[in-house]
């Protein structure tokens, strides 16, 4: 009977290590990051004392995830053209199917949740997007954002800086894909006599983990046209396990904490992110900037009333000085 094995822990560690090298934490971070939102969302954030991370497929630009998936698929194609091991080839093909096949869209759509921030708190392009009829820019302490907590025990959370240069995007994704292929060519990681059943098991395990790793990185890639946004993201992802029973429990745990909100495009799945236990939400949120509007005094007064009535008396309220009325 042919035997096949995958040192899954070794594979995960090596791929995760390469992902960290390709996408290291930024060396410097701004003191504050700004979250642009509309009036009703501000009210709900203040009332619930949580931040909302929306499903990545429901962001304003619905092509964002597919943009990164295309870069990853092209990187996989380059590896498949060359000579690689049977385990690597089948795993990469499985990864590619998860990232591109329409039948796998539900898997991609249910995986990643994102909260978006900007380095600039008074950006006209953002006001045009979020400022009608009334928008706000919320200033959060960056050093505390990465300690926000996702609900339950099925999700991990990371603060990432968005990368806009396409050449650098391709280079980083290709480095990760090449590393994954090299690890799977190591007989100490994936070895034995492969038949089509054993190889399928290896391919599915390795391909699922690699695709999830790529999907997380893909959420920090955007087309160069958006570079002025200087965006950062809190990205929540499922904690991966190679055991089907634990994966099912993890999926059930995620479904249990997902909520739905109403937007102009319909229902949007989201999760609530809570501040760390040692930091109250009013300490995390330091300023609310009212966007350009026909009635700046009324907007300022209403924001002040909302904050004061929910324990945010220390939060400063300011107004945009951009000479435009949206």
C-alpha atoms as a PDB file:
ATOM      1  CA  UNK A   1       0.000   0.000   0.000  1.00  0.00           C
ATOM      2  CA  UNK A   2       1.635   3.305  -1.026  1.00  0.00           C
ATOM      3  CA  UNK A   3       2.414   5.600   1.890  1.00  0.00           C
ATOM      4  CA  UNK A   4       2.494   9.379   1.793  1.00  0.00           C
ATOM      5  CA  UNK A   5       3.057  11.906   4.560  1.00  0.00           C
ATOM      6  CA  UNK A   6       3.074  15.638   5.039  1.00  0.00           C
ATOM      7  CA  UNK A   7       4.889  17.225   7.962  1.00  0.00           C
ATOM      8  CA  UNK A   8       2.153  19.809   8.127  1.00  0.00           C
ATOM      9  CA  UNK A   9       3.546  21.664  11.123  1.00  0.00           C
ATOM     10  CA  UNK A  10       6.918  22.008   9.401  1.00  0.00           C
ATOM     11  CA  UNK A  11       5.255  23.201   6.192  1.00  0.00           C
ATOM     12  CA  UNK A  12       3.142  25.792   8.014  1.00  0.00           C
ATOM     13  CA  UNK A  13       6.110  27.143   9.976  1.00  0.00           C
ATOM     14  CA  UNK A  14       8.294  27.533   6.898  1.00  0.00           C
ATOM     15  CA  UNK A  15       5.565  29.151   4.787  1.00  0.00           C
ATOM     16  CA  UNK A  16       4.469  31.450   7.626  1.00  0.00           C
ATOM     17  CA  UNK A  17       8.110  32.414   8.172  1.00  0.00           C
ATOM     18  CA  UNK A  18       8.491  33.310   4.504  1.00  0.00           C
ATOM     19  CA  UNK A  19       5.244  35.306   4.596  1.00  0.00           C
ATOM     20  CA  UNK A  20       6.601  37.291   7.536  1.00  0.00           C
ATOM     21  CA  UNK A  21       9.848  37.969   5.681  1.00  0.00           C
ATOM     22  CA  UNK A  22       8.004  39.018   2.528  1.00  0.00           C
ATOM     23  CA  UNK A  23       5.508  41.186   4.433  1.00  0.00           C
ATOM     24  CA  UNK A  24       7.308  42.259   7.632  1.00  0.00           C
ATOM     25  CA  UNK A  25       5.661  44.580  10.160  1.00  0.00           C
ATOM     26  CA  UNK A  26       6.334  48.220   9.179  1.00  0.00           C
ATOM     27  CA  UNK A  27       9.410  49.709  10.839  1.00  0.00           C
ATOM     28  CA  UNK A  28       7.620  52.951  11.643  1.00  0.00           C
ATOM     29  CA  UNK A  29       3.975  53.690  12.253  1.00  0.00           C
ATOM     30  CA  UNK A  30       2.082  56.963  12.489  1.00  0.00           C
ATOM     31  CA  UNK A  31       0.878  57.863  15.970  1.00  0.00           C
ATOM     32  CA  UNK A  32      -2.717  57.895  14.743  1.00  0.00           C
ATOM     33  CA  UNK A  33      -4.705  56.156  12.031  1.00  0.00           C
ATOM     34  CA  UNK A  34      -8.034  57.504  10.779  1.00  0.00           C
ATOM     35  CA  UNK A  35     -11.206  55.604  10.013  1.00  0.00           C
ATOM     36  CA  UNK A  36     -13.649  57.393   7.690  1.00  0.00           C
ATOM     37  CA  UNK A  37     -17.291  56.580   8.228  1.00  0.00           C
ATOM     38  CA  UNK A  38     -20.831  57.905   7.935  1.00  0.00           C
ATOM     39  CA  UNK A  39     -22.964  59.343  10.719  1.00  0.00           C
ATOM     40  CA  UNK A  40     -24.980  56.220  11.525  1.00  0.00           C
ATOM     41  CA  UNK A  41     -21.851  54.060  11.681  1.00  0.00           C
ATOM     42  CA  UNK A  42     -20.213  56.559  14.050  1.00  0.00           C
ATOM     43  CA  UNK A  43     -23.250  56.323  16.308  1.00  0.00           C
ATOM     44  CA  UNK A  44     -23.123  52.523  16.380  1.00  0.00           C
ATOM     45  CA  UNK A  45     -19.353  52.435  17.016  1.00  0.00           C
ATOM     46  CA  UNK A  46     -19.742  54.817  19.967  1.00  0.00           C
ATOM     47  CA  UNK A  47     -22.782  53.033  21.377  1.00  0.00           C
ATOM     48  CA  UNK A  48     -21.272  49.526  21.093  1.00  0.00           C
ATOM     49  CA  UNK A  49     -17.704  50.661  21.941  1.00  0.00           C
ATOM     50  CA  UNK A  50     -16.433  48.353  19.210  1.00  0.00           C
ATOM     51  CA  UNK A  51     -14.942  48.647  15.720  1.00  0.00           C
ATOM     52  CA  UNK A  52     -16.446  46.828  12.773  1.00  0.00           C
ATOM     53  CA  UNK A  53     -14.445  44.687  10.368  1.00  0.00           C
ATOM     54  CA  UNK A  54     -16.401  43.984   7.180  1.00  0.00           C
ATOM     55  CA  UNK A  55     -16.043  40.917   5.033  1.00  0.00           C
ATOM     56  CA  UNK A  56     -13.290  41.666   2.503  1.00  0.00           C
ATOM     57  CA  UNK A  57     -15.563  40.893  -0.453  1.00  0.00           C
ATOM     58  CA  UNK A  58     -17.971  43.624   0.642  1.00  0.00           C
ATOM     59  CA  UNK A  59     -15.501  46.514   0.606  1.00  0.00           C
ATOM     60  CA  UNK A  60     -16.364  49.563  -1.515  1.00  0.00           C
ATOM     61  CA  UNK A  61     -14.155  48.295  -4.354  1.00  0.00           C
ATOM     62  CA  UNK A  62     -15.424  44.764  -4.895  1.00  0.00           C
ATOM     63  CA  UNK A  63     -12.476  43.958  -7.178  1.00  0.00           C
ATOM     64  CA  UNK A  64      -9.834  44.410  -4.458  1.00  0.00           C
ATOM     65  CA  UNK A  65      -9.575  40.754  -3.465  1.00  0.00           C
ATOM     66  CA  UNK A  66      -9.686  39.587  -7.081  1.00  0.00           C
ATOM     67  CA  UNK A  67      -6.863  42.013  -7.911  1.00  0.00           C
ATOM     68  CA  UNK A  68      -4.562  40.253  -5.446  1.00  0.00           C
ATOM     69  CA  UNK A  69      -5.829  36.811  -6.445  1.00  0.00           C
ATOM     70  CA  UNK A  70      -4.761  37.572 -10.018  1.00  0.00           C
ATOM     71  CA  UNK A  71      -1.222  38.417  -8.886  1.00  0.00           C
ATOM     72  CA  UNK A  72      -1.032  35.206  -6.836  1.00  0.00           C
ATOM     73  CA  UNK A  73      -2.413  33.085  -9.697  1.00  0.00           C
ATOM     74  CA  UNK A  74       0.197  34.522 -12.084  1.00  0.00           C
ATOM     75  CA  UNK A  75       2.946  33.702  -9.558  1.00  0.00           C
ATOM     76  CA  UNK A  76       1.697  30.111  -9.331  1.00  0.00           C
ATOM     77  CA  UNK A  77       1.617  29.848 -13.130  1.00  0.00           C
ATOM     78  CA  UNK A  78       5.306  30.802 -13.279  1.00  0.00           C
ATOM     79  CA  UNK A  79       6.195  27.996 -10.867  1.00  0.00           C
ATOM     80  CA  UNK A  80       4.025  25.421 -12.646  1.00  0.00           C
ATOM     81  CA  UNK A  81       5.710  26.173 -15.972  1.00  0.00           C
ATOM     82  CA  UNK A  82       9.029  25.072 -14.507  1.00  0.00           C
ATOM     83  CA  UNK A  83      10.115  21.769 -13.038  1.00  0.00           C
ATOM     84  CA  UNK A  84       8.754  21.077  -9.584  1.00  0.00           C
ATOM     85  CA  UNK A  85       7.847  18.128  -7.402  1.00  0.00           C
ATOM     86  CA  UNK A  86       4.574  16.226  -7.728  1.00  0.00           C
ATOM     87  CA  UNK A  87       3.467  17.311  -4.250  1.00  0.00           C
ATOM     88  CA  UNK A  88       4.229  20.969  -4.996  1.00  0.00           C
ATOM     89  CA  UNK A  89       2.522  20.884  -8.379  1.00  0.00           C
ATOM     90  CA  UNK A  90      -0.710  19.433  -7.045  1.00  0.00           C
ATOM     91  CA  UNK A  91      -0.738  21.666  -3.965  1.00  0.00           C
ATOM     92  CA  UNK A  92      -0.212  24.787  -6.088  1.00  0.00           C
ATOM     93  CA  UNK A  93      -2.957  23.719  -8.479  1.00  0.00           C
ATOM     94  CA  UNK A  94      -5.302  23.292  -5.523  1.00  0.00           C
ATOM     95  CA  UNK A  95      -4.280  26.729  -4.207  1.00  0.00           C
ATOM     96  CA  UNK A  96      -4.948  28.254  -7.610  1.00  0.00           C
ATOM     97  CA  UNK A  97      -8.417  26.715  -7.769  1.00  0.00           C
ATOM     98  CA  UNK A  98      -9.305  28.215  -4.369  1.00  0.00           C
ATOM     99  CA  UNK A  99      -8.064  31.640  -5.469  1.00  0.00           C
ATOM    100  CA  UNK A 100      -9.698  31.703  -8.905  1.00  0.00           C
ATOM    101  CA  UNK A 101     -12.471  29.163  -9.469  1.00  0.00           C
ATOM    102  CA  UNK A 102     -15.975  30.583  -9.280  1.00  0.00           C
ATOM    103  CA  UNK A 103     -17.028  27.459  -7.383  1.00  0.00           C
ATOM    104  CA  UNK A 104     -14.600  28.448  -4.607  1.00  0.00           C
ATOM    105  CA  UNK A 105     -15.821  32.043  -4.315  1.00  0.00           C
ATOM    106  CA  UNK A 106     -17.830  31.233  -1.181  1.00  0.00           C
ATOM    107  CA  UNK A 107     -14.668  29.972   0.559  1.00  0.00           C
ATOM    108  CA  UNK A 108     -12.817  33.165  -0.334  1.00  0.00           C
ATOM    109  CA  UNK A 109     -15.733  35.355   0.668  1.00  0.00           C
ATOM    110  CA  UNK A 110     -16.147  33.796   4.123  1.00  0.00           C
ATOM    111  CA  UNK A 111     -12.506  33.911   5.104  1.00  0.00           C
ATOM    112  CA  UNK A 112     -11.259  37.454   5.738  1.00  0.00           C
ATOM    113  CA  UNK A 113     -12.676  40.463   7.600  1.00  0.00           C
ATOM    114  CA  UNK A 114     -11.125  43.922   7.293  1.00  0.00           C
ATOM    115  CA  UNK A 115     -11.312  47.300   9.053  1.00  0.00           C
ATOM    116  CA  UNK A 116      -9.763  50.104   6.990  1.00  0.00           C
ATOM    117  CA  UNK A 117      -7.760  53.137   8.130  1.00  0.00           C
ATOM    118  CA  UNK A 118      -5.871  56.011   6.521  1.00  0.00           C
ATOM    119  CA  UNK A 119      -2.712  57.879   7.572  1.00  0.00           C
ATOM    120  CA  UNK A 120      -4.400  61.191   6.695  1.00  0.00           C
ATOM    121  CA  UNK A 121      -7.434  62.358   8.643  1.00  0.00           C
ATOM    122  CA  UNK A 122      -8.642  65.109   6.328  1.00  0.00           C
ATOM    123  CA  UNK A 123      -8.410  63.734   2.793  1.00  0.00           C
ATOM    124  CA  UNK A 124     -10.782  65.146   0.192  1.00  0.00           C
ATOM    125  CA  UNK A 125     -11.055  61.882  -1.784  1.00  0.00           C
ATOM    126  CA  UNK A 126     -12.185  60.105   1.383  1.00  0.00           C
ATOM    127  CA  UNK A 127     -14.696  62.815   2.199  1.00  0.00           C
ATOM    128  CA  UNK A 128     -16.154  62.470  -1.287  1.00  0.00           C
ATOM    129  CA  UNK A 129     -16.604  58.751  -0.625  1.00  0.00           C
ATOM    130  CA  UNK A 130     -17.888  58.883   2.960  1.00  0.00           C
ATOM    131  CA  UNK A 131     -18.992  62.495   3.465  1.00  0.00           C
ATOM    132  CA  UNK A 132     -22.471  62.480   1.933  1.00  0.00           C
ATOM    133  CA  UNK A 133     -24.656  63.594   3.582  1.00  0.00           C
ATOM    134  CA  UNK A 134     -22.373  63.730   6.645  1.00  0.00           C
ATOM    135  CA  UNK A 135     -19.100  61.945   7.244  1.00  0.00           C
ATOM    136  CA  UNK A 136     -16.611  61.687  10.079  1.00  0.00           C
ATOM    137  CA  UNK A 137     -12.941  60.785  10.433  1.00  0.00           C
ATOM    138  CA  UNK A 138     -12.112  58.923  13.657  1.00  0.00           C
ATOM    139  CA  UNK A 139      -8.533  59.166  14.983  1.00  0.00           C
ATOM    140  CA  UNK A 140      -7.336  56.013  16.761  1.00  0.00           C
ATOM    141  CA  UNK A 141      -4.052  55.416  18.583  1.00  0.00           C
ATOM    142  CA  UNK A 142      -2.088  53.136  16.263  1.00  0.00           C
ATOM    143  CA  UNK A 143      -0.144  51.342  18.996  1.00  0.00           C
ATOM    144  CA  UNK A 144      -3.392  50.109  20.510  1.00  0.00           C
ATOM    145  CA  UNK A 145      -5.207  49.117  17.321  1.00  0.00           C
ATOM    146  CA  UNK A 146      -3.099  45.983  16.850  1.00  0.00           C
ATOM    147  CA  UNK A 147      -4.262  44.799  20.273  1.00  0.00           C
ATOM    148  CA  UNK A 148      -7.941  44.885  19.350  1.00  0.00           C
ATOM    149  CA  UNK A 149      -9.658  41.560  19.974  1.00  0.00           C
ATOM    150  CA  UNK A 150     -11.825  39.640  17.495  1.00  0.00           C
ATOM    151  CA  UNK A 151     -14.855  37.810  18.910  1.00  0.00           C
ATOM    152  CA  UNK A 152     -14.559  34.180  19.966  1.00  0.00           C
ATOM    153  CA  UNK A 153     -11.467  32.027  19.637  1.00  0.00           C
ATOM    154  CA  UNK A 154     -11.627  31.204  15.917  1.00  0.00           C
ATOM    155  CA  UNK A 155     -10.010  34.365  14.529  1.00  0.00           C
ATOM    156  CA  UNK A 156      -6.600  36.009  14.706  1.00  0.00           C
ATOM    157  CA  UNK A 157      -5.966  39.709  14.059  1.00  0.00           C
ATOM    158  CA  UNK A 158      -3.098  41.654  12.463  1.00  0.00           C
ATOM    159  CA  UNK A 159      -2.465  45.305  11.558  1.00  0.00           C
ATOM    160  CA  UNK A 160      -1.004  45.617   8.050  1.00  0.00           C
ATOM    161  CA  UNK A 161       0.094  48.468   5.788  1.00  0.00           C
ATOM    162  CA  UNK A 162      -1.317  48.405   2.251  1.00  0.00           C
ATOM    163  CA  UNK A 163       1.216  47.989  -0.564  1.00  0.00           C
ATOM    164  CA  UNK A 164       0.547  49.805  -3.864  1.00  0.00           C
ATOM    165  CA  UNK A 165       3.613  49.246  -6.103  1.00  0.00           C
ATOM    166  CA  UNK A 166       2.738  46.417  -8.469  1.00  0.00           C
ATOM    167  CA  UNK A 167       6.353  45.369  -9.054  1.00  0.00           C
ATOM    168  CA  UNK A 168       6.925  44.965  -5.335  1.00  0.00           C
ATOM    169  CA  UNK A 169       3.596  43.165  -4.917  1.00  0.00           C
ATOM    170  CA  UNK A 170       4.547  40.584  -7.544  1.00  0.00           C
ATOM    171  CA  UNK A 171       8.019  40.114  -6.097  1.00  0.00           C
ATOM    172  CA  UNK A 172       6.738  39.436  -2.591  1.00  0.00           C
ATOM    173  CA  UNK A 173       3.968  37.043  -3.650  1.00  0.00           C
ATOM    174  CA  UNK A 174       6.316  35.160  -5.996  1.00  0.00           C
ATOM    175  CA  UNK A 175       8.832  34.756  -3.165  1.00  0.00           C
ATOM    176  CA  UNK A 176       6.184  33.138  -0.988  1.00  0.00           C
ATOM    177  CA  UNK A 177       4.912  30.810  -3.729  1.00  0.00           C
ATOM    178  CA  UNK A 178       8.464  29.749  -4.632  1.00  0.00           C
ATOM    179  CA  UNK A 179       9.209  29.036  -0.975  1.00  0.00           C
ATOM    180  CA  UNK A 180       6.077  26.896  -0.635  1.00  0.00           C
ATOM    181  CA  UNK A 181       7.048  24.897  -3.731  1.00  0.00           C
ATOM    182  CA  UNK A 182      10.596  24.395  -2.428  1.00  0.00           C
ATOM    183  CA  UNK A 183       9.353  23.219   0.975  1.00  0.00           C
ATOM    184  CA  UNK A 184       7.010  20.697  -0.652  1.00  0.00           C
ATOM    185  CA  UNK A 185       9.924  19.411  -2.727  1.00  0.00           C
ATOM    186  CA  UNK A 186      11.732  18.553   0.522  1.00  0.00           C
ATOM    187  CA  UNK A 187      11.237  14.835   1.132  1.00  0.00           C
ATOM    188  CA  UNK A 188      11.423  15.470   4.857  1.00  0.00           C
ATOM    189  CA  UNK A 189       8.278  17.612   4.565  1.00  0.00           C
ATOM    190  CA  UNK A 190       6.277  15.775   1.902  1.00  0.00           C
ATOM    191  CA  UNK A 191       7.533  12.301   1.178  1.00  0.00           C
ATOM    192  CA  UNK A 192       6.632   8.717   0.442  1.00  0.00           C
ATOM    193  CA  UNK A 193       5.342   6.905  -2.604  1.00  0.00           C
ATOM    194  CA  UNK A 194       2.565   8.986  -4.102  1.00  0.00           C
ATOM    195  CA  UNK A 195      -0.510   7.493  -5.644  1.00  0.00           C
ATOM    196  CA  UNK A 196      -3.346   9.720  -6.786  1.00  0.00           C
ATOM    197  CA  UNK A 197      -5.251   9.346  -3.510  1.00  0.00           C
ATOM    198  CA  UNK A 198      -2.315  10.067  -1.216  1.00  0.00           C
ATOM    199  CA  UNK A 199      -1.155  12.999  -3.333  1.00  0.00           C
ATOM    200  CA  UNK A 200      -4.640  14.495  -3.248  1.00  0.00           C
ATOM    201  CA  UNK A 201      -4.599  14.512   0.562  1.00  0.00           C
ATOM    202  CA  UNK A 202      -1.222  16.266   0.643  1.00  0.00           C
ATOM    203  CA  UNK A 203      -2.313  18.747  -2.025  1.00  0.00           C
ATOM    204  CA  UNK A 204      -5.508  19.674  -0.216  1.00  0.00           C
ATOM    205  CA  UNK A 205      -3.837  20.211   3.163  1.00  0.00           C
ATOM    206  CA  UNK A 206      -0.942  22.244   1.771  1.00  0.00           C
ATOM    207  CA  UNK A 207      -3.067  24.085  -0.785  1.00  0.00           C
ATOM    208  CA  UNK A 208      -5.660  25.175   1.769  1.00  0.00           C
ATOM    209  CA  UNK A 209      -3.060  26.597   4.132  1.00  0.00           C
ATOM    210  CA  UNK A 210      -1.137  28.324   1.338  1.00  0.00           C
ATOM    211  CA  UNK A 211      -4.316  29.839  -0.108  1.00  0.00           C
ATOM    212  CA  UNK A 212      -5.359  31.165   3.297  1.00  0.00           C
ATOM    213  CA  UNK A 213      -1.909  32.683   3.831  1.00  0.00           C
ATOM    214  CA  UNK A 214      -2.063  34.294   0.389  1.00  0.00           C
ATOM    215  CA  UNK A 215      -5.587  35.608   0.964  1.00  0.00           C
ATOM    216  CA  UNK A 216      -4.462  37.427   4.097  1.00  0.00           C
ATOM    217  CA  UNK A 217      -1.533  38.996   2.226  1.00  0.00           C
ATOM    218  CA  UNK A 218      -3.779  39.805  -0.739  1.00  0.00           C
ATOM    219  CA  UNK A 219      -5.905  42.039   1.487  1.00  0.00           C
ATOM    220  CA  UNK A 220      -2.861  44.325   1.862  1.00  0.00           C
ATOM    221  CA  UNK A 221      -2.449  44.746  -1.917  1.00  0.00           C
ATOM    222  CA  UNK A 222      -4.227  47.463  -3.885  1.00  0.00           C
ATOM    223  CA  UNK A 223      -3.882  48.887  -7.381  1.00  0.00           C
ATOM    224  CA  UNK A 224      -1.405  51.796  -7.686  1.00  0.00           C
ATOM    225  CA  UNK A 225      -4.298  54.189  -8.477  1.00  0.00           C
ATOM    226  CA  UNK A 226      -5.252  54.179  -4.781  1.00  0.00           C
ATOM    227  CA  UNK A 227      -1.806  55.083  -3.430  1.00  0.00           C
ATOM    228  CA  UNK A 228      -2.864  58.500  -2.128  1.00  0.00           C
ATOM    229  CA  UNK A 229      -5.064  56.782   0.468  1.00  0.00           C
ATOM    230  CA  UNK A 230      -1.982  55.536   2.393  1.00  0.00           C
ATOM    231  CA  UNK A 231      -4.170  52.841   3.861  1.00  0.00           C
ATOM    232  CA  UNK A 232      -3.672  50.458   6.779  1.00  0.00           C
ATOM    233  CA  UNK A 233      -5.900  47.523   7.670  1.00  0.00           C
ATOM    234  CA  UNK A 234      -6.867  45.401  10.620  1.00  0.00           C
ATOM    235  CA  UNK A 235      -7.243  41.937   9.093  1.00  0.00           C
ATOM    236  CA  UNK A 236      -9.070  39.132  10.909  1.00  0.00           C
ATOM    237  CA  UNK A 237      -8.636  35.586   9.623  1.00  0.00           C
ATOM    238  CA  UNK A 238      -9.575  32.085  10.819  1.00  0.00           C
ATOM    239  CA  UNK A 239      -6.985  30.237  12.888  1.00  0.00           C
ATOM    240  CA  UNK A 240      -5.990  27.396  10.569  1.00  0.00           C
ATOM    241  CA  UNK A 241      -5.955  23.738  11.576  1.00  0.00           C
ATOM    242  CA  UNK A 242      -5.232  20.684   9.437  1.00  0.00           C
ATOM    243  CA  UNK A 243      -7.841  18.564  11.212  1.00  0.00           C
ATOM    244  CA  UNK A 244     -11.258  18.498   9.489  1.00  0.00           C
ATOM    245  CA  UNK A 245     -13.206  18.260  12.738  1.00  0.00           C
ATOM    246  CA  UNK A 246     -11.428  21.303  14.194  1.00  0.00           C
ATOM    247  CA  UNK A 247     -11.880  23.187  10.910  1.00  0.00           C
ATOM    248  CA  UNK A 248     -15.609  22.544  11.120  1.00  0.00           C
ATOM    249  CA  UNK A 249     -15.683  23.837  14.699  1.00  0.00           C
ATOM    250  CA  UNK A 250     -13.694  26.896  13.658  1.00  0.00           C
ATOM    251  CA  UNK A 251     -16.082  27.622  10.778  1.00  0.00           C
ATOM    252  CA  UNK A 252     -19.068  27.228  13.092  1.00  0.00           C
ATOM    253  CA  UNK A 253     -17.433  29.570  15.611  1.00  0.00           C
ATOM    254  CA  UNK A 254     -16.893  32.233  12.943  1.00  0.00           C
ATOM    255  CA  UNK A 255     -20.471  31.960  11.682  1.00  0.00           C
ATOM    256  CA  UNK A 256     -21.687  32.406  15.255  1.00  0.00           C
ATOM    257  CA  UNK A 257     -19.976  35.801  15.645  1.00  0.00           C
ATOM    258  CA  UNK A 258     -20.704  37.258  12.199  1.00  0.00           C
ATOM    259  CA  UNK A 259     -23.352  39.978  12.144  1.00  0.00           C
ATOM    260  CA  UNK A 260     -25.079  41.780   9.287  1.00  0.00           C
ATOM    261  CA  UNK A 261     -25.446  45.494   8.664  1.00  0.00           C
ATOM    262  CA  UNK A 262     -27.348  47.354   5.991  1.00  0.00           C
ATOM    263  CA  UNK A 263     -25.508  49.444   3.398  1.00  0.00           C
ATOM    264  CA  UNK A 264     -26.425  51.080   0.093  1.00  0.00           C
ATOM    265  CA  UNK A 265     -25.386  47.818  -1.592  1.00  0.00           C
ATOM    266  CA  UNK A 266     -27.498  45.606   0.688  1.00  0.00           C
ATOM    267  CA  UNK A 267     -26.545  43.357   3.610  1.00  0.00           C
ATOM    268  CA  UNK A 268     -22.856  43.314   4.618  1.00  0.00           C
ATOM    269  CA  UNK A 269     -21.375  40.630   6.937  1.00  0.00           C
ATOM    270  CA  UNK A 270     -19.107  42.021   9.652  1.00  0.00           C
ATOM    271  CA  UNK A 271     -17.571  41.192  13.020  1.00  0.00           C
ATOM    272  CA  UNK A 272     -17.073  43.423  16.049  1.00  0.00           C
ATOM    273  CA  UNK A 273     -13.541  44.122  17.284  1.00  0.00           C
ATOM    274  CA  UNK A 274     -13.229  44.985  20.967  1.00  0.00           C
ATOM    275  CA  UNK A 275     -10.461  47.038  22.593  1.00  0.00           C
ATOM    276  CA  UNK A 276      -7.952  45.180  24.795  1.00  0.00           C
ATOM    277  CA  UNK A 277      -9.057  44.623  28.380  1.00  0.00           C
ATOM    278  CA  UNK A 278      -6.658  47.194  29.803  1.00  0.00           C
ATOM    279  CA  UNK A 279      -7.744  49.983  27.424  1.00  0.00           C
ATOM    280  CA  UNK A 280     -11.213  51.530  27.340  1.00  0.00           C
ATOM    281  CA  UNK A 281     -12.615  52.511  23.960  1.00  0.00           C
ATOM    282  CA  UNK A 282     -12.660  56.237  24.879  1.00  0.00           C
ATOM    283  CA  UNK A 283      -8.868  56.001  25.369  1.00  0.00           C
ATOM    284  CA  UNK A 284      -8.383  54.342  21.984  1.00  0.00           C
ATOM    285  CA  UNK A 285     -10.474  56.918  20.090  1.00  0.00           C
ATOM    286  CA  UNK A 286      -8.863  60.338  20.549  1.00  0.00           C
ATOM    287  CA  UNK A 287     -10.506  62.657  18.011  1.00  0.00           C
ATOM    288  CA  UNK A 288     -13.574  62.888  15.779  1.00  0.00           C
ATOM    289  CA  UNK A 289     -13.249  65.148  12.725  1.00  0.00           C
ATOM    290  CA  UNK A 290     -16.496  66.309  11.133  1.00  0.00           C
ATOM    291  CA  UNK A 291     -16.292  66.252   7.336  1.00  0.00           C
ATOM    292  CA  UNK A 292     -17.144  69.172   5.037  1.00  0.00           C
ATOM    293  CA  UNK A 293     -20.850  69.943   5.274  1.00  0.00           C
ATOM    294  CA  UNK A 294     -23.355  72.780   4.847  1.00  0.00           C
ATOM    295  CA  UNK A 295     -23.903  72.882   8.624  1.00  0.00           C
ATOM    296  CA  UNK A 296     -20.509  72.381  10.347  1.00  0.00           C
ATOM    297  CA  UNK A 297     -21.686  73.863  13.660  1.00  0.00           C
ATOM    298  CA  UNK A 298     -24.649  71.488  13.861  1.00  0.00           C
ATOM    299  CA  UNK A 299     -22.445  68.497  12.935  1.00  0.00           C
ATOM    300  CA  UNK A 300     -19.950  69.459  15.651  1.00  0.00           C
ATOM    301  CA  UNK A 301     -22.705  69.903  18.246  1.00  0.00           C
ATOM    302  CA  UNK A 302     -24.367  66.559  17.451  1.00  0.00           C
ATOM    303  CA  UNK A 303     -21.043  64.673  17.553  1.00  0.00           C
ATOM    304  CA  UNK A 304     -20.194  66.257  20.902  1.00  0.00           C
ATOM    305  CA  UNK A 305     -23.584  65.285  22.323  1.00  0.00           C
ATOM    306  CA  UNK A 306     -23.219  61.689  21.081  1.00  0.00           C
ATOM    307  CA  UNK A 307     -19.737  61.284  22.577  1.00  0.00           C
ATOM    308  CA  UNK A 308     -20.559  62.897  25.913  1.00  0.00           C
ATOM    309  CA  UNK A 309     -23.665  60.751  26.399  1.00  0.00           C
ATOM    310  CA  UNK A 310     -21.634  57.536  26.051  1.00  0.00           C
ATOM    311  CA  UNK A 311     -18.580  58.293  28.173  1.00  0.00           C
ATOM    312  CA  UNK A 312     -16.302  59.787  25.492  1.00  0.00           C
ATOM    313  CA  UNK A 313     -15.926  63.226  27.138  1.00  0.00           C
ATOM    314  CA  UNK A 314     -12.135  63.175  26.632  1.00  0.00           C
ATOM    315  CA  UNK A 315     -12.426  62.747  22.848  1.00  0.00           C
ATOM    316  CA  UNK A 316     -11.789  65.951  20.889  1.00  0.00           C
ATOM    317  CA  UNK A 317     -14.269  67.028  18.198  1.00  0.00           C
ATOM    318  CA  UNK A 318     -12.865  69.052  15.311  1.00  0.00           C
ATOM    319  CA  UNK A 319     -13.982  70.098  11.850  1.00  0.00           C
ATOM    320  CA  UNK A 320     -12.452  69.778   8.392  1.00  0.00           C
ATOM    321  CA  UNK A 321     -11.017  73.042   7.047  1.00  0.00           C
ATOM    322  CA  UNK A 322     -11.316  71.928   3.423  1.00  0.00           C
ATOM    323  CA  UNK A 323     -13.299  74.725   1.677  1.00  0.00           C
ATOM    324  CA  UNK A 324     -15.928  72.528   0.082  1.00  0.00           C
ATOM    325  CA  UNK A 325     -19.459  71.605   1.111  1.00  0.00           C
ATOM    326  CA  UNK A 326     -20.619  68.092   0.345  1.00  0.00           C
END
